[in-house]
């Protein structure tokens, strides 16, 4: 599972971006990913928004 911290309140896991209303919540979510799968992380540290990454149709593949 690929994890990227996009901003202080956004964490991307694979093709989904999770947005939190506080930095500490994003921190806790990201830390929990080290020991649990993403479904459990979402239940324990609920984001305020989840969205899929939009693929850039103009990028070279």
PDB file of N, CA and C in Angstrom:
ATOM      1  N   UNK A   1       0.847  -1.161   0.000  1.00  0.00           N
ATOM      2  CA  UNK A   1       0.000   0.000   0.000  1.00  0.00           C
ATOM      3  C   UNK A   1       0.903   1.238   0.000  1.00  0.00           C
ATOM      4  N   UNK A   2       0.732   2.068  -0.995  1.00  0.00           N
ATOM      5  CA  UNK A   2       1.521   3.296  -1.124  1.00  0.00           C
ATOM      6  C   UNK A   2       0.839   4.424  -0.359  1.00  0.00           C
ATOM      7  N   UNK A   3       1.603   5.079   0.515  1.00  0.00           N
ATOM      8  CA  UNK A   3       1.078   6.168   1.331  1.00  0.00           C
ATOM      9  C   UNK A   3       1.905   7.424   1.102  1.00  0.00           C
ATOM     10  N   UNK A   4       1.208   8.554   0.870  1.00  0.00           N
ATOM     11  CA  UNK A   4       1.877   9.839   0.638  1.00  0.00           C
ATOM     12  C   UNK A   4       1.157  10.897   1.456  1.00  0.00           C
ATOM     13  N   UNK A   5       1.915  11.702   2.183  1.00  0.00           N
ATOM     14  CA  UNK A   5       1.331  12.831   2.917  1.00  0.00           C
ATOM     15  C   UNK A   5       1.307  14.013   1.960  1.00  0.00           C
ATOM     16  N   UNK A   6       0.131  14.415   1.518  1.00  0.00           N
ATOM     17  CA  UNK A   6      -0.005  15.483   0.527  1.00  0.00           C
ATOM     18  C   UNK A   6       0.067  16.867   1.164  1.00  0.00           C
ATOM     19  N   UNK A   7      -0.647  17.042   2.266  1.00  0.00           N
ATOM     20  CA  UNK A   7      -0.635  18.296   3.028  1.00  0.00           C
ATOM     21  C   UNK A   7      -0.679  17.914   4.506  1.00  0.00           C
ATOM     22  N   UNK A   8      -0.733  18.895   5.382  1.00  0.00           N
ATOM     23  CA  UNK A   8      -0.796  18.583   6.809  1.00  0.00           C
ATOM     24  C   UNK A   8      -2.070  17.834   7.184  1.00  0.00           C
ATOM     25  N   UNK A   9      -3.127  17.996   6.381  1.00  0.00           N
ATOM     26  CA  UNK A   9      -4.403  17.359   6.696  1.00  0.00           C
ATOM     27  C   UNK A   9      -4.865  16.349   5.650  1.00  0.00           C
ATOM     28  N   UNK A  10      -4.013  16.019   4.677  1.00  0.00           N
ATOM     29  CA  UNK A  10      -4.383  15.068   3.628  1.00  0.00           C
ATOM     30  C   UNK A  10      -3.364  13.950   3.511  1.00  0.00           C
ATOM     31  N   UNK A  11      -3.898  12.717   3.470  1.00  0.00           N
ATOM     32  CA  UNK A  11      -3.061  11.537   3.301  1.00  0.00           C
ATOM     33  C   UNK A  11      -3.606  10.752   2.112  1.00  0.00           C
ATOM     34  N   UNK A  12      -2.726  10.413   1.185  1.00  0.00           N
ATOM     35  CA  UNK A  12      -3.129   9.589   0.043  1.00  0.00           C
ATOM     36  C   UNK A  12      -2.678   8.162   0.291  1.00  0.00           C
ATOM     37  N   UNK A  13      -3.616   7.236   0.146  1.00  0.00           N
ATOM     38  CA  UNK A  13      -3.317   5.815   0.243  1.00  0.00           C
ATOM     39  C   UNK A  13      -3.764   5.196  -1.071  1.00  0.00           C
ATOM     40  N   UNK A  14      -2.788   4.692  -1.822  1.00  0.00           N
ATOM     41  CA  UNK A  14      -3.037   4.165  -3.157  1.00  0.00           C
ATOM     42  C   UNK A  14      -3.757   5.234  -3.986  1.00  0.00           C
ATOM     43  N   UNK A  15      -4.993   4.991  -4.409  1.00  0.00           N
ATOM     44  CA  UNK A  15      -5.677   5.955  -5.280  1.00  0.00           C
ATOM     45  C   UNK A  15      -6.764   6.757  -4.567  1.00  0.00           C
ATOM     46  N   UNK A  16      -6.733   6.789  -3.236  1.00  0.00           N
ATOM     47  CA  UNK A  16      -7.725   7.532  -2.465  1.00  0.00           C
ATOM     48  C   UNK A  16      -7.028   8.565  -1.584  1.00  0.00           C
ATOM     49  N   UNK A  17      -7.609   9.771  -1.550  1.00  0.00           N
ATOM     50  CA  UNK A  17      -7.105  10.842  -0.694  1.00  0.00           C
ATOM     51  C   UNK A  17      -8.074  10.994   0.481  1.00  0.00           C
ATOM     52  N   UNK A  18      -7.515  10.954   1.692  1.00  0.00           N
ATOM     53  CA  UNK A  18      -8.287  11.099   2.923  1.00  0.00           C
ATOM     54  C   UNK A  18      -7.978  12.471   3.513  1.00  0.00           C
ATOM     55  N   UNK A  19      -9.032  13.259   3.770  1.00  0.00           N
ATOM     56  CA  UNK A  19      -8.879  14.601   4.321  1.00  0.00           C
ATOM     57  C   UNK A  19      -9.427  14.624   5.742  1.00  0.00           C
ATOM     58  N   UNK A  20      -8.671  15.271   6.643  1.00  0.00           N
ATOM     59  CA  UNK A  20      -9.037  15.351   8.054  1.00  0.00           C
ATOM     60  C   UNK A  20      -9.224  16.809   8.452  1.00  0.00           C
ATOM     61  N   UNK A  21      -9.974  17.031   9.536  1.00  0.00           N
ATOM     62  CA  UNK A  21     -10.222  18.410   9.970  1.00  0.00           C
ATOM     63  C   UNK A  21      -9.176  18.917  10.957  1.00  0.00           C
ATOM     64  N   UNK A  22      -8.212  18.073  11.310  1.00  0.00           N
ATOM     65  CA  UNK A  22      -7.130  18.492  12.207  1.00  0.00           C
ATOM     66  C   UNK A  22      -5.855  17.732  11.837  1.00  0.00           C
ATOM     67  N   UNK A  23      -4.737  18.392  12.026  1.00  0.00           N
ATOM     68  CA  UNK A  23      -3.445  17.789  11.697  1.00  0.00           C
ATOM     69  C   UNK A  23      -3.210  16.535  12.540  1.00  0.00           C
ATOM     70  N   UNK A  24      -3.543  16.591  13.818  1.00  0.00           N
ATOM     71  CA  UNK A  24      -3.302  15.440  14.695  1.00  0.00           C
ATOM     72  C   UNK A  24      -4.099  14.217  14.257  1.00  0.00           C
ATOM     73  N   UNK A  25      -5.282  14.433  13.658  1.00  0.00           N
ATOM     74  CA  UNK A  25      -6.080  13.306  13.170  1.00  0.00           C
ATOM     75  C   UNK A  25      -5.422  12.667  11.952  1.00  0.00           C
ATOM     76  N   UNK A  26      -4.877  13.483  11.071  1.00  0.00           N
ATOM     77  CA  UNK A  26      -4.146  12.954   9.916  1.00  0.00           C
ATOM     78  C   UNK A  26      -2.893  12.216  10.383  1.00  0.00           C
ATOM     79  N   UNK A  27      -2.219  12.769  11.400  1.00  0.00           N
ATOM     80  CA  UNK A  27      -1.041  12.111  11.970  1.00  0.00           C
ATOM     81  C   UNK A  27      -1.400  10.735  12.536  1.00  0.00           C
ATOM     82  N   UNK A  28      -2.482  10.683  13.289  1.00  0.00           N
ATOM     83  CA  UNK A  28      -2.917   9.427  13.913  1.00  0.00           C
ATOM     84  C   UNK A  28      -3.309   8.402  12.846  1.00  0.00           C
ATOM     85  N   UNK A  29      -4.009   8.839  11.822  1.00  0.00           N
ATOM     86  CA  UNK A  29      -4.396   7.956  10.718  1.00  0.00           C
ATOM     87  C   UNK A  29      -3.154   7.385  10.047  1.00  0.00           C
ATOM     88  N   UNK A  30      -2.213   8.252   9.725  1.00  0.00           N
ATOM     89  CA  UNK A  30      -0.987   7.819   9.049  1.00  0.00           C
ATOM     90  C   UNK A  30      -0.179   6.860   9.924  1.00  0.00           C
ATOM     91  N   UNK A  31      -0.100   7.122  11.201  1.00  0.00           N
ATOM     92  CA  UNK A  31       0.629   6.242  12.109  1.00  0.00           C
ATOM     93  C   UNK A  31      -0.049   4.876  12.226  1.00  0.00           C
ATOM     94  N   UNK A  32      -1.361   4.861  12.259  1.00  0.00           N
ATOM     95  CA  UNK A  32      -2.112   3.614  12.389  1.00  0.00           C
ATOM     96  C   UNK A  32      -1.964   2.746  11.143  1.00  0.00           C
ATOM     97  N   UNK A  33      -1.709   3.363  10.006  1.00  0.00           N
ATOM     98  CA  UNK A  33      -1.503   2.599   8.771  1.00  0.00           C
ATOM     99  C   UNK A  33      -0.311   1.649   8.871  1.00  0.00           C
ATOM    100  N   UNK A  34       0.621   1.946   9.753  1.00  0.00           N
ATOM    101  CA  UNK A  34       1.801   1.090   9.916  1.00  0.00           C
ATOM    102  C   UNK A  34       1.457  -0.253  10.557  1.00  0.00           C
ATOM    103  N   UNK A  35       0.330  -0.309  11.266  1.00  0.00           N
ATOM    104  CA  UNK A  35      -0.020  -1.537  11.987  1.00  0.00           C
ATOM    105  C   UNK A  35      -1.361  -2.141  11.590  1.00  0.00           C
ATOM    106  N   UNK A  36      -2.117  -1.454  10.755  1.00  0.00           N
ATOM    107  CA  UNK A  36      -3.449  -1.952  10.382  1.00  0.00           C
ATOM    108  C   UNK A  36      -3.738  -1.637   8.918  1.00  0.00           C
ATOM    109  N   UNK A  37      -4.732  -2.324   8.379  1.00  0.00           N
ATOM    110  CA  UNK A  37      -5.107  -2.040   6.994  1.00  0.00           C
ATOM    111  C   UNK A  37      -5.956  -0.776   6.933  1.00  0.00           C
ATOM    112  N   UNK A  38      -6.101  -0.249   5.741  1.00  0.00           N
ATOM    113  CA  UNK A  38      -6.743   1.057   5.569  1.00  0.00           C
ATOM    114  C   UNK A  38      -8.202   1.052   6.033  1.00  0.00           C
ATOM    115  N   UNK A  39      -8.905  -0.056   5.888  1.00  0.00           N
ATOM    116  CA  UNK A  39     -10.302  -0.111   6.332  1.00  0.00           C
ATOM    117  C   UNK A  39     -10.413   0.108   7.836  1.00  0.00           C
ATOM    118  N   UNK A  40      -9.514  -0.506   8.602  1.00  0.00           N
ATOM    119  CA  UNK A  40      -9.522  -0.311  10.047  1.00  0.00           C
ATOM    120  C   UNK A  40      -9.116   1.116  10.412  1.00  0.00           C
ATOM    121  N   UNK A  41      -8.179   1.669   9.673  1.00  0.00           N
ATOM    122  CA  UNK A  41      -7.733   3.040   9.933  1.00  0.00           C
ATOM    123  C   UNK A  41      -8.876   4.028   9.741  1.00  0.00           C
ATOM    124  N   UNK A  42      -9.671   3.815   8.697  1.00  0.00           N
ATOM    125  CA  UNK A  42     -10.809   4.702   8.416  1.00  0.00           C
ATOM    126  C   UNK A  42     -11.840   4.604   9.535  1.00  0.00           C
ATOM    127  N   UNK A  43     -12.055   3.403  10.068  1.00  0.00           N
ATOM    128  CA  UNK A  43     -13.019   3.241  11.165  1.00  0.00           C
ATOM    129  C   UNK A  43     -12.534   3.910  12.442  1.00  0.00           C
ATOM    130  N   UNK A  44     -11.246   3.778  12.734  1.00  0.00           N
ATOM    131  CA  UNK A  44     -10.688   4.324  13.967  1.00  0.00           C
ATOM    132  C   UNK A  44     -10.437   5.829  13.895  1.00  0.00           C
ATOM    133  N   UNK A  45     -10.075   6.317  12.720  1.00  0.00           N
ATOM    134  CA  UNK A  45      -9.725   7.732  12.526  1.00  0.00           C
ATOM    135  C   UNK A  45     -10.487   8.248  11.306  1.00  0.00           C
ATOM    136  N   UNK A  46     -11.754   8.546  11.501  1.00  0.00           N
ATOM    137  CA  UNK A  46     -12.630   8.880  10.385  1.00  0.00           C
ATOM    138  C   UNK A  46     -12.260  10.206   9.728  1.00  0.00           C
ATOM    139  N   UNK A  47     -12.026  10.156   8.418  1.00  0.00           N
ATOM    140  CA  UNK A  47     -11.761  11.398   7.685  1.00  0.00           C
ATOM    141  C   UNK A  47     -13.064  12.160   7.447  1.00  0.00           C
ATOM    142  N   UNK A  48     -12.932  13.451   7.164  1.00  0.00           N
ATOM    143  CA  UNK A  48     -14.114  14.246   6.831  1.00  0.00           C
ATOM    144  C   UNK A  48     -14.454  14.108   5.353  1.00  0.00           C
ATOM    145  N   UNK A  49     -13.472  13.661   4.574  1.00  0.00           N
ATOM    146  CA  UNK A  49     -13.701  13.481   3.139  1.00  0.00           C
ATOM    147  C   UNK A  49     -12.773  12.393   2.612  1.00  0.00           C
ATOM    148  N   UNK A  50     -13.303  11.607   1.683  1.00  0.00           N
ATOM    149  CA  UNK A  50     -12.505  10.629   0.952  1.00  0.00           C
ATOM    150  C   UNK A  50     -12.801  10.838  -0.524  1.00  0.00           C
ATOM    151  N   UNK A  51     -11.750  10.931  -1.324  1.00  0.00           N
ATOM    152  CA  UNK A  51     -11.978  11.104  -2.765  1.00  0.00           C
ATOM    153  C   UNK A  51     -10.920  10.335  -3.533  1.00  0.00           C
ATOM    154  N   UNK A  52     -11.314   9.893  -4.705  1.00  0.00           N
ATOM    155  CA  UNK A  52     -10.403   9.175  -5.586  1.00  0.00           C
ATOM    156  C   UNK A  52      -9.507  10.170  -6.305  1.00  0.00           C
ATOM    157  N   UNK A  53      -8.284   9.749  -6.548  1.00  0.00           N
ATOM    158  CA  UNK A  53      -7.344  10.571  -7.318  1.00  0.00           C
ATOM    159  C   UNK A  53      -7.811  10.563  -8.762  1.00  0.00           C
ATOM    160  N   UNK A  54      -7.910  11.738  -9.311  1.00  0.00           N
ATOM    161  CA  UNK A  54      -8.303  11.831 -10.711  1.00  0.00           C
ATOM    162  C   UNK A  54      -7.080  11.629 -11.573  1.00  0.00           C
ATOM    163  N   UNK A  55      -7.195  10.738 -12.522  1.00  0.00           N
ATOM    164  CA  UNK A  55      -6.071  10.456 -13.404  1.00  0.00           C
ATOM    165  C   UNK A  55      -5.913  11.571 -14.424  1.00  0.00           C
ATOM    166  N   UNK A  56      -4.687  11.980 -14.626  1.00  0.00           N
ATOM    167  CA  UNK A  56      -4.381  13.010 -15.622  1.00  0.00           C
ATOM    168  C   UNK A  56      -4.453  12.382 -16.998  1.00  0.00           C
ATOM    169  N   UNK A  57      -5.447  12.756 -17.767  1.00  0.00           N
ATOM    170  CA  UNK A  57      -5.650  12.158 -19.086  1.00  0.00           C
ATOM    171  C   UNK A  57      -4.598  12.589 -20.091  1.00  0.00           C
ATOM    172  N   UNK A  58      -3.842  13.636 -19.769  1.00  0.00           N
ATOM    173  CA  UNK A  58      -2.848  14.150 -20.695  1.00  0.00           C
ATOM    174  C   UNK A  58      -1.428  13.675 -20.371  1.00  0.00           C
ATOM    175  N   UNK A  59      -1.263  12.921 -19.308  1.00  0.00           N
ATOM    176  CA  UNK A  59       0.082  12.471 -18.949  1.00  0.00           C
ATOM    177  C   UNK A  59       0.525  11.347 -19.874  1.00  0.00           C
ATOM    178  N   UNK A  60       1.813  11.270 -20.051  1.00  0.00           N
ATOM    179  CA  UNK A  60       2.396  10.228 -20.886  1.00  0.00           C
ATOM    180  C   UNK A  60       2.513   8.962 -20.050  1.00  0.00           C
ATOM    181  N   UNK A  61       2.056   7.860 -20.623  1.00  0.00           N
ATOM    182  CA  UNK A  61       2.101   6.599 -19.876  1.00  0.00           C
ATOM    183  C   UNK A  61       3.053   5.633 -20.512  1.00  0.00           C
TER     184      UNK A  61
END
